[in-house]
Amino acid sequence: MPDKIYVFKDIDDAVFKLKKYNSHFILPVKDYDKKEIIINSATGSIFRALSGNSFKPSSIYRTWADGKFNSIIYSLGKINTQNEYDNIIYFLNNSLIKFWRKKSDGKNISYGPASKLVNLLIKLIQETKKYSLKKIFKFQHIPFDSFTLRPLGLIINDLTSVAFNINIPKGASMNYIMFPEQYKILQIAISNLSKKAKINPIIYEYWCWNDKH
């Protein structure tokens, strides 16, 4: 079982813990092929939360990922800036949402789960020796879910410059993110925290998820 989700007490607490974790972080390396990446990038717990009566969420995701895989590898290989990377992720998120609606008889997948699936796919691509692109490591986005959202509960408003307070509920999950604007604000918050800790943003994901399982 995973450890209880840790909620940062303040910015200093977050910076200290992330710096400490980063000091001994080693990127996991897999020897997967394309099929293994797609199958292992997202597992049962995600799909159970997305279940429907007339379709299999895992089948929809894997069909989409298989069709997009080569173009994703090609596009990531051309990335040189954060803005270019961001635009590819936004495009892929929307692509999966549209594909899902088409293949599930009109049942929508919200932005949070869609973006989580996209970012988990890229995370595993990056961990796979055959496909790894070291230059995009510093650009990667966080797959948001309960493990990556809840730690920010007490510090999220210290990490953003928006003109309103953000409330991350104690029970927040991937479905908390409903709109692209929420997603972008949260990614910016992680980026700001990472700059304070002098780490790559994706290290936050590894601290939240890999270190706790």
Protein backbone atom coordinates (compact mmCIF):
# COMPACT_ATOMS: atom_id res chain seq x y z
CA MET A 1 0.00 0.00 0.00
CA PRO A 2 1.25 3.56 -0.68
CA ASP A 3 2.19 5.82 2.18
CA LYS A 4 -0.27 8.44 3.35
CA ILE A 5 -0.19 11.48 1.07
CA TYR A 6 2.06 14.15 2.54
CA VAL A 7 0.84 17.76 2.47
CA PHE A 8 3.58 20.38 2.47
CA LYS A 9 3.44 22.66 5.52
CA ASP A 10 4.85 25.64 3.64
CA ILE A 11 7.13 26.53 0.73
CA ASP A 12 10.31 25.94 2.74
CA ASP A 13 9.12 22.47 3.68
CA ALA A 14 8.41 21.65 0.02
CA VAL A 15 11.76 23.01 -1.16
CA PHE A 16 13.68 21.08 1.51
CA LYS A 17 12.00 17.76 0.72
CA LEU A 18 12.26 18.10 -3.04
CA LYS A 19 15.91 19.15 -2.91
CA LYS A 20 16.73 16.20 -0.68
CA TYR A 21 14.94 13.78 -2.99
CA ASN A 22 16.59 15.25 -6.09
CA SER A 23 20.05 14.81 -4.56
CA HIS A 24 19.80 11.03 -4.93
CA PHE A 25 17.34 10.78 -7.83
CA ILE A 26 18.16 8.38 -10.65
CA LEU A 27 15.83 8.20 -13.64
CA PRO A 28 14.32 4.70 -13.93
CA VAL A 29 15.30 2.90 -17.12
CA LYS A 30 13.05 0.44 -18.91
CA ASP A 31 13.73 -1.83 -21.88
CA TYR A 32 10.20 -1.71 -23.27
CA ASP A 33 9.00 -1.82 -26.84
CA LYS A 34 6.15 0.33 -28.12
CA LYS A 35 3.40 -2.07 -27.06
CA GLU A 36 4.83 -2.46 -23.55
CA ILE A 37 5.07 1.31 -23.12
CA ILE A 38 1.42 1.79 -24.07
CA ILE A 39 0.16 -1.05 -21.87
CA ASN A 40 2.26 -0.11 -18.83
CA SER A 41 1.85 3.66 -19.03
CA ALA A 42 -1.63 3.51 -17.49
CA THR A 43 -3.05 0.78 -15.30
CA GLY A 44 -6.35 -0.48 -13.92
CA SER A 45 -7.04 2.14 -11.25
CA ILE A 46 -7.24 4.92 -13.84
CA PHE A 47 -9.46 2.94 -16.17
CA ARG A 48 -11.78 1.83 -13.37
CA ALA A 49 -12.43 5.50 -12.61
CA LEU A 50 -13.33 6.06 -16.27
CA SER A 51 -15.45 2.98 -16.82
CA GLY A 52 -18.52 3.04 -19.05
CA ASN A 53 -21.30 0.64 -19.97
CA SER A 54 -20.62 0.36 -23.68
CA PHE A 55 -16.85 0.75 -23.96
CA LYS A 56 -13.53 -0.20 -22.38
CA PRO A 57 -11.50 2.87 -21.35
CA SER A 58 -8.24 0.92 -21.63
CA SER A 59 -9.05 -0.02 -25.22
CA ILE A 60 -9.85 3.57 -26.20
CA TYR A 61 -6.66 4.92 -24.63
CA ARG A 62 -4.42 2.21 -26.08
CA THR A 63 -5.90 2.58 -29.57
CA TRP A 64 -5.30 6.34 -29.42
CA ALA A 65 -1.76 5.93 -28.05
CA ASP A 66 -0.88 3.34 -30.70
CA GLY A 67 -2.09 5.62 -33.47
CA LYS A 68 -0.26 8.66 -32.13
CA PHE A 69 2.91 6.97 -30.90
CA ASN A 70 5.22 7.56 -33.87
CA SER A 71 4.12 11.17 -34.31
CA ILE A 72 4.65 11.79 -30.57
CA ILE A 73 8.22 10.47 -30.79
CA TYR A 74 8.86 12.58 -33.88
CA SER A 75 7.39 15.75 -32.37
CA LEU A 76 9.23 15.39 -29.08
CA GLY A 77 12.49 14.96 -30.96
CA LYS A 78 12.08 18.43 -32.47
CA ILE A 79 11.43 20.23 -29.17
CA ASN A 80 13.82 22.99 -28.16
CA THR A 81 11.79 25.23 -25.84
CA GLN A 82 9.27 24.95 -23.02
CA ASN A 83 6.65 26.72 -25.11
CA GLU A 84 7.03 24.22 -27.94
CA TYR A 85 6.70 21.34 -25.49
CA ASP A 86 3.64 22.89 -23.81
CA ASN A 87 1.88 23.30 -27.14
CA ILE A 88 2.43 19.64 -28.02
CA ILE A 89 0.96 18.54 -24.68
CA TYR A 90 -2.09 20.79 -25.10
CA PHE A 91 -2.59 19.39 -28.61
CA LEU A 92 -2.32 15.78 -27.38
CA ASN A 93 -4.69 16.40 -24.47
CA ASN A 94 -7.32 17.75 -26.86
CA SER A 95 -6.65 14.97 -29.35
CA LEU A 96 -7.35 12.30 -26.73
CA ILE A 97 -10.50 14.09 -25.53
CA LYS A 98 -11.89 14.23 -29.09
CA PHE A 99 -10.95 10.61 -29.82
CA TRP A 100 -12.54 9.47 -26.56
CA ARG A 101 -15.82 11.20 -27.35
CA LYS A 102 -15.91 9.57 -30.78
CA LYS A 103 -15.17 6.06 -29.52
CA SER A 104 -17.33 6.10 -26.39
CA ASP A 105 -20.69 7.01 -27.90
CA GLY A 106 -20.35 10.63 -26.84
CA LYS A 107 -19.23 10.04 -23.25
CA ASN A 108 -16.65 12.69 -22.42
CA ILE A 109 -13.35 12.31 -20.63
CA SER A 110 -12.56 15.45 -18.64
CA TYR A 111 -9.34 17.40 -18.97
CA GLY A 112 -7.75 16.01 -15.82
CA PRO A 113 -7.85 12.30 -16.74
CA ALA A 114 -6.97 13.02 -20.38
CA SER A 115 -3.92 15.07 -19.44
CA LYS A 116 -2.88 12.47 -16.88
CA LEU A 117 -2.93 9.72 -19.51
CA VAL A 118 -0.93 11.84 -21.96
CA ASN A 119 1.70 12.75 -19.39
CA LEU A 120 1.99 9.20 -18.08
CA LEU A 121 2.61 7.99 -21.63
CA ILE A 122 5.38 10.52 -22.13
CA LYS A 123 6.83 9.75 -18.71
CA LEU A 124 7.24 6.09 -19.66
CA ILE A 125 8.55 6.94 -23.11
CA GLN A 126 11.22 9.02 -21.40
CA GLU A 127 12.11 6.13 -19.08
CA THR A 128 12.50 3.69 -21.99
CA LYS A 129 16.04 3.32 -23.25
CA LYS A 130 15.05 3.01 -26.90
CA TYR A 131 12.99 6.22 -26.99
CA SER A 132 14.38 8.44 -24.21
CA LEU A 133 14.97 12.07 -25.18
CA LYS A 134 17.10 13.64 -22.46
CA LYS A 135 16.56 17.17 -23.71
CA ILE A 136 12.83 17.13 -22.90
CA PHE A 137 13.30 16.02 -19.28
CA LYS A 138 13.35 19.62 -18.07
CA PHE A 139 10.13 20.40 -19.97
CA GLN A 140 7.92 17.50 -18.84
CA HIS A 141 4.51 18.12 -17.28
CA ILE A 142 3.06 16.58 -14.13
CA PRO A 143 0.34 13.87 -14.44
CA PHE A 144 -2.09 15.33 -11.90
CA ASP A 145 -3.95 13.04 -9.51
CA SER A 146 -4.49 12.76 -5.75
CA PHE A 147 -0.79 12.11 -5.13
CA THR A 148 0.38 15.22 -7.00
CA LEU A 149 -2.49 17.58 -6.17
CA ARG A 150 -3.02 17.12 -2.44
CA PRO A 151 0.56 17.94 -1.35
CA LEU A 152 -0.02 21.47 -2.73
CA GLY A 153 -3.14 22.14 -0.65
CA LEU A 154 -1.57 24.60 1.81
CA ILE A 155 0.90 26.28 -0.57
CA ILE A 156 -0.85 26.51 -3.93
CA ASN A 157 -1.76 30.19 -3.56
CA ASP A 158 1.83 31.05 -2.68
CA LEU A 159 2.90 29.56 -6.01
CA THR A 160 0.51 31.38 -8.32
CA SER A 161 -0.13 34.97 -9.35
CA VAL A 162 -3.81 34.61 -10.18
CA ALA A 163 -6.26 37.15 -8.77
CA PHE A 164 -8.33 34.57 -6.89
CA ASN A 165 -7.73 31.91 -4.27
CA ILE A 166 -7.35 28.33 -5.43
CA ASN A 167 -8.82 25.61 -3.27
CA ILE A 168 -7.49 22.08 -3.70
CA PRO A 169 -9.89 19.85 -1.74
CA LYS A 170 -8.48 17.27 0.66
CA GLY A 171 -10.02 14.60 -1.54
CA ALA A 172 -8.82 16.05 -4.87
CA SER A 173 -8.18 13.53 -7.65
CA MET A 174 -7.49 13.72 -11.38
CA ASN A 175 -11.12 14.73 -11.93
CA TYR A 176 -10.50 17.95 -10.00
CA ILE A 177 -9.08 19.41 -13.20
CA MET A 178 -11.98 20.19 -15.50
CA PHE A 179 -10.56 22.87 -17.79
CA PRO A 180 -7.28 23.66 -19.60
CA GLU A 181 -6.98 26.89 -17.59
CA GLN A 182 -6.82 24.93 -14.30
CA TYR A 183 -4.23 22.61 -15.77
CA LYS A 184 -2.04 25.49 -16.92
CA ILE A 185 -2.23 27.26 -13.54
CA LEU A 186 -1.19 24.09 -11.74
CA GLN A 187 1.69 23.40 -14.11
CA ILE A 188 2.90 26.97 -13.58
CA ALA A 189 2.68 26.45 -9.82
CA ILE A 190 4.86 23.34 -10.08
CA SER A 191 7.29 25.23 -12.30
CA ASN A 192 7.55 28.04 -9.73
CA LEU A 193 8.10 25.56 -6.91
CA SER A 194 10.73 23.75 -8.95
CA LYS A 195 12.63 26.98 -9.59
CA LYS A 196 12.75 27.61 -5.85
CA ALA A 197 14.02 24.07 -5.25
CA LYS A 198 16.35 24.23 -8.28
CA ILE A 199 15.00 21.00 -9.74
CA ASN A 200 13.33 19.93 -12.96
CA PRO A 201 9.53 20.02 -12.52
CA ILE A 202 9.07 16.31 -13.29
CA ILE A 203 11.11 15.51 -10.16
CA TYR A 204 8.02 16.58 -8.22
CA GLU A 205 6.06 13.75 -9.88
CA TYR A 206 8.74 11.21 -8.98
CA TRP A 207 8.74 12.41 -5.37
CA CYS A 208 4.94 12.24 -5.16
CA TRP A 209 4.44 8.93 -6.92
CA ASN A 210 7.54 6.79 -7.36
CA ASP A 211 8.97 7.56 -3.95
CA LYS A 212 5.70 6.65 -2.23
CA HIS A 213 4.98 3.30 -3.92
